[in-house]
Amino acid sequence: MSRTVSREARSKWEAKEWFRVLAPSAFGFAEVATVPANDARSLVGRTVEISFYDITKDISQLPIKLKFQVVDVEGLTARTQLKQIELTRDYVRSLVRRGTSRINAILDVETADGIRLRVMSMAVTQSRVKASQKRAIRRVMFDLISTKAASMKFDEFVQEIVLGRLAAEIEAAARKIYPLRKAEVYKVKVLTSPLEISKILAGTPSEGAGAEARGQ
């Protein structure tokens, strides 16, 4: 009986087809995985999690985790949209040391093309700061993130985050209040549904963060 089960399991596995999974337009449609499935419909809604390093091969981007969701399958190619960006816990912990202050700023924003995100950022000062200084730094973070989001399309804003530009601007602005050790956008949740994002972005090509990062 075990041999029969084994043959059936092997037969089912061999019947599966392998699909290429592509990152969304903000990441240059890079191939991020190959996954097996019995049929294309079963892939829609499936999530794939990778490191940004897997796209760029830049070791500095190893702590950036990306979560994509399959929204469409054409032939043996599955297309995705971004669901989440998150820094690894080990990396975030390494930024906060004894004698420093961590200031968090969490807010919901909408990009110029109407896509909603929850952006979670942090600033770590070189030494402990007063409550009034924390409030002032947090206000700078709120203002900068909301202004950036409103002035950029979704793909552009995502690239600003994963390539570290938004964090660098937060760091530069907050340093005018108190010296920082580091600023980071440690997590982003995409609140607009992936299917709705696909409709919004239809017909809007992008070079992609992966392509840009590789060209640097």
Protein backbone atom coordinates (compact mmCIF):
# COMPACT_ATOMS: atom_id res chain seq x y z
CA MET A 1 0.00 0.00 0.00
CA SER A 2 2.82 2.39 0.86
CA ARG A 3 4.29 1.83 -2.60
CA THR A 4 0.89 2.68 -4.14
CA VAL A 5 0.65 5.87 -2.09
CA SER A 6 4.20 6.77 -3.03
CA ARG A 7 3.48 6.23 -6.73
CA GLU A 8 0.30 8.34 -6.47
CA ALA A 9 2.14 11.15 -4.68
CA ARG A 10 4.92 11.07 -7.26
CA SER A 11 2.39 11.04 -10.08
CA LYS A 12 0.57 14.08 -8.64
CA TRP A 13 3.88 15.93 -8.22
CA GLU A 14 4.95 15.15 -11.76
CA ALA A 15 1.60 16.41 -13.03
CA LYS A 16 2.28 19.86 -11.60
CA GLU A 17 3.55 22.64 -13.83
CA TRP A 18 6.23 25.14 -12.83
CA PHE A 19 5.40 28.84 -12.99
CA ARG A 20 7.79 31.81 -13.06
CA VAL A 21 6.84 34.40 -10.44
CA LEU A 22 7.66 38.00 -11.37
CA ALA A 23 8.05 40.94 -9.00
CA PRO A 24 5.78 43.95 -9.65
CA SER A 25 6.69 46.93 -11.81
CA ALA A 26 8.42 48.85 -8.99
CA PHE A 27 11.02 46.06 -8.94
CA GLY A 28 11.51 45.81 -12.69
CA PHE A 29 9.42 42.63 -13.10
CA ALA A 30 12.41 40.62 -11.82
CA GLU A 31 11.90 36.87 -11.54
CA VAL A 32 11.71 36.09 -7.81
CA ALA A 33 10.65 32.44 -7.68
CA THR A 34 9.51 29.36 -9.56
CA VAL A 35 6.60 27.54 -7.95
CA PRO A 36 4.67 24.35 -8.78
CA ALA A 37 0.89 24.26 -9.19
CA ASN A 38 -1.76 21.96 -10.67
CA ASP A 39 -3.39 24.88 -12.45
CA ALA A 40 -2.92 28.61 -12.82
CA ARG A 41 -6.02 29.55 -10.84
CA SER A 42 -4.61 28.00 -7.66
CA LEU A 43 -1.70 30.45 -7.78
CA VAL A 44 -3.80 33.63 -7.58
CA GLY A 45 -3.68 34.96 -4.03
CA ARG A 46 -0.55 33.03 -3.09
CA THR A 47 2.20 35.08 -1.41
CA VAL A 48 5.94 34.94 -1.99
CA GLU A 49 8.45 36.37 0.48
CA ILE A 50 12.03 37.20 -0.50
CA SER A 51 14.88 39.50 0.49
CA PHE A 52 15.52 42.59 -1.64
CA TYR A 53 19.04 41.14 -1.94
CA ASP A 54 17.58 38.34 -4.09
CA ILE A 55 16.77 40.97 -6.72
CA THR A 56 19.72 43.36 -6.46
CA LYS A 57 22.53 41.10 -5.14
CA ASP A 58 23.52 44.09 -2.99
CA ILE A 59 24.52 42.72 0.45
CA SER A 60 23.46 45.98 2.15
CA GLN A 61 19.85 45.20 1.17
CA LEU A 62 19.80 41.75 2.79
CA PRO A 63 17.73 42.96 5.82
CA ILE A 64 14.87 44.18 3.57
CA LYS A 65 12.11 41.56 3.34
CA LEU A 66 9.54 41.87 0.56
CA LYS A 67 6.18 40.13 0.40
CA PHE A 68 4.41 39.86 -2.96
CA GLN A 69 0.97 38.46 -3.78
CA VAL A 70 0.12 36.76 -7.08
CA VAL A 71 -2.66 38.67 -8.86
CA ASP A 72 -2.61 37.25 -12.38
CA VAL A 73 -1.25 34.29 -14.33
CA GLU A 74 -0.59 34.30 -18.06
CA GLY A 75 0.73 31.05 -19.51
CA LEU A 76 3.46 29.89 -17.12
CA THR A 77 4.13 33.38 -15.78
CA ALA A 78 2.62 34.68 -12.53
CA ARG A 79 2.55 38.42 -11.89
CA THR A 80 2.46 39.92 -8.42
CA GLN A 81 1.81 43.10 -6.47
CA LEU A 82 3.56 44.33 -3.35
CA LYS A 83 1.92 43.46 -0.03
CA GLN A 84 4.58 44.39 2.52
CA ILE A 85 8.09 45.68 3.12
CA GLU A 86 9.75 44.90 6.44
CA LEU A 87 13.24 45.08 7.94
CA THR A 88 14.42 41.98 9.78
CA ARG A 89 14.04 42.06 13.57
CA ASP A 90 17.74 41.39 14.11
CA TYR A 91 18.67 44.42 12.03
CA VAL A 92 16.17 46.71 13.81
CA ARG A 93 17.41 45.52 17.22
CA SER A 94 20.99 46.25 16.20
CA LEU A 95 20.15 49.93 15.67
CA VAL A 96 18.88 50.59 19.20
CA ARG A 97 21.54 50.60 21.90
CA ARG A 98 21.66 51.54 25.55
CA GLY A 99 21.67 55.28 26.09
CA THR A 100 19.82 56.06 22.85
CA SER A 101 16.19 56.98 22.17
CA ARG A 102 13.97 55.36 19.54
CA ILE A 103 11.24 57.52 18.05
CA ASN A 104 8.51 55.77 16.04
CA ALA A 105 6.24 57.45 13.51
CA ILE A 106 3.36 55.37 12.12
CA LEU A 107 0.88 56.87 9.68
CA ASP A 108 -1.42 55.97 6.81
CA VAL A 109 -0.70 57.77 3.56
CA GLU A 110 -2.04 57.86 0.02
CA THR A 111 0.16 58.17 -3.06
CA ALA A 112 -0.54 60.53 -5.94
CA ASP A 113 -2.22 57.71 -7.87
CA GLY A 114 -4.53 56.82 -4.98
CA ILE A 115 -2.85 53.77 -3.40
CA ARG A 116 -2.99 53.60 0.40
CA LEU A 117 -0.13 52.41 2.61
CA ARG A 118 0.71 52.27 6.32
CA VAL A 119 4.27 53.50 6.77
CA MET A 120 6.16 52.71 9.99
CA SER A 121 9.41 54.60 10.46
CA MET A 122 11.90 55.03 13.26
CA ALA A 123 14.67 57.42 14.25
CA VAL A 124 17.39 56.47 16.73
CA THR A 125 19.23 59.32 18.43
CA GLN A 126 22.87 59.22 19.46
CA SER A 127 21.90 59.69 23.11
CA ARG A 128 18.72 60.03 25.15
CA VAL A 129 16.51 62.98 24.32
CA LYS A 130 13.70 64.90 26.02
CA ALA A 131 10.01 64.24 25.31
CA SER A 132 9.75 67.61 23.54
CA GLN A 133 12.60 66.66 21.20
CA LYS A 134 10.94 63.30 20.48
CA ARG A 135 7.72 65.10 19.55
CA ALA A 136 9.58 67.51 17.28
CA ILE A 137 11.43 64.68 15.48
CA ARG A 138 8.22 62.68 15.11
CA ARG A 139 6.48 65.74 13.60
CA VAL A 140 9.29 66.08 11.04
CA MET A 141 8.92 62.39 10.16
CA PHE A 142 5.14 62.70 9.74
CA ASP A 143 5.43 65.80 7.55
CA LEU A 144 8.16 64.39 5.31
CA ILE A 145 6.51 60.99 4.77
CA SER A 146 3.04 62.38 4.08
CA THR A 147 4.40 65.03 1.68
CA LYS A 148 6.54 62.50 -0.19
CA ALA A 149 3.68 60.03 -0.56
CA ALA A 150 1.22 62.64 -1.81
CA SER A 151 3.66 63.92 -4.43
CA MET A 152 4.70 60.52 -5.84
CA LYS A 153 3.08 57.64 -7.64
CA PHE A 154 3.06 54.26 -5.90
CA ASP A 155 6.05 52.76 -7.74
CA GLU A 156 8.13 55.89 -7.17
CA PHE A 157 7.28 55.98 -3.45
CA VAL A 158 8.10 52.27 -3.02
CA GLN A 159 11.47 52.83 -4.69
CA GLU A 160 12.17 55.78 -2.37
CA ILE A 161 11.65 53.40 0.55
CA VAL A 162 13.53 50.27 -0.55
CA LEU A 163 16.50 52.22 -1.94
CA GLY A 164 16.84 54.08 1.38
CA ARG A 165 16.21 57.58 0.05
CA LEU A 166 13.24 58.30 2.30
CA ALA A 167 15.14 57.16 5.39
CA ALA A 168 18.11 59.33 4.38
CA GLU A 169 15.85 62.39 4.07
CA ILE A 170 14.27 61.68 7.45
CA GLU A 171 17.75 61.42 8.95
CA ALA A 172 18.91 64.71 7.41
CA ALA A 173 15.78 66.60 8.50
CA ALA A 174 15.67 65.18 12.05
CA ARG A 175 19.36 65.94 12.65
CA LYS A 176 18.47 69.62 12.67
CA ILE A 177 16.67 68.92 15.95
CA TYR A 178 19.07 66.38 17.47
CA PRO A 179 21.94 64.20 16.11
CA LEU A 180 20.71 60.80 14.93
CA ARG A 181 22.43 57.45 14.91
CA LYS A 182 20.11 56.12 12.22
CA ALA A 183 16.69 56.52 10.61
CA GLU A 184 14.82 53.73 8.84
CA VAL A 185 11.43 52.87 7.39
CA TYR A 186 11.12 49.55 9.19
CA LYS A 187 7.77 48.34 7.85
CA VAL A 188 5.24 49.21 5.15
CA LYS A 189 1.85 47.56 4.74
CA VAL A 190 0.01 48.11 1.47
CA LEU A 191 -3.63 48.76 2.41
CA THR A 192 -5.10 48.92 -1.10
CA SER A 193 -5.95 45.44 -2.43
CA PRO A 194 -3.44 43.94 -4.88
CA LEU A 195 -6.11 43.56 -7.60
CA GLU A 196 -7.05 47.23 -7.27
CA ILE A 197 -3.38 48.21 -7.51
CA SER A 198 -3.11 46.22 -10.75
CA LYS A 199 -6.00 48.20 -12.21
CA ILE A 200 -4.50 51.51 -11.11
CA LEU A 201 -1.05 50.69 -12.49
CA ALA A 202 -2.25 49.19 -15.76
CA GLY A 203 -0.46 50.89 -18.63
CA THR A 204 2.07 52.71 -16.42
CA PRO A 205 5.54 51.22 -17.07
CA SER A 206 8.33 51.66 -14.53
CA GLU A 207 12.10 51.07 -14.70
CA GLY A 208 11.98 49.32 -11.36
CA ALA A 209 13.98 49.59 -8.14
CA GLY A 210 15.85 46.39 -8.88
CA ALA A 211 17.09 47.67 -12.24
CA GLU A 212 18.04 51.03 -10.73
CA ALA A 213 19.87 49.48 -7.80
CA ARG A 214 21.85 47.17 -10.10
CA GLY A 215 22.84 50.18 -12.19
CA GLN A 216 24.29 52.07 -9.26
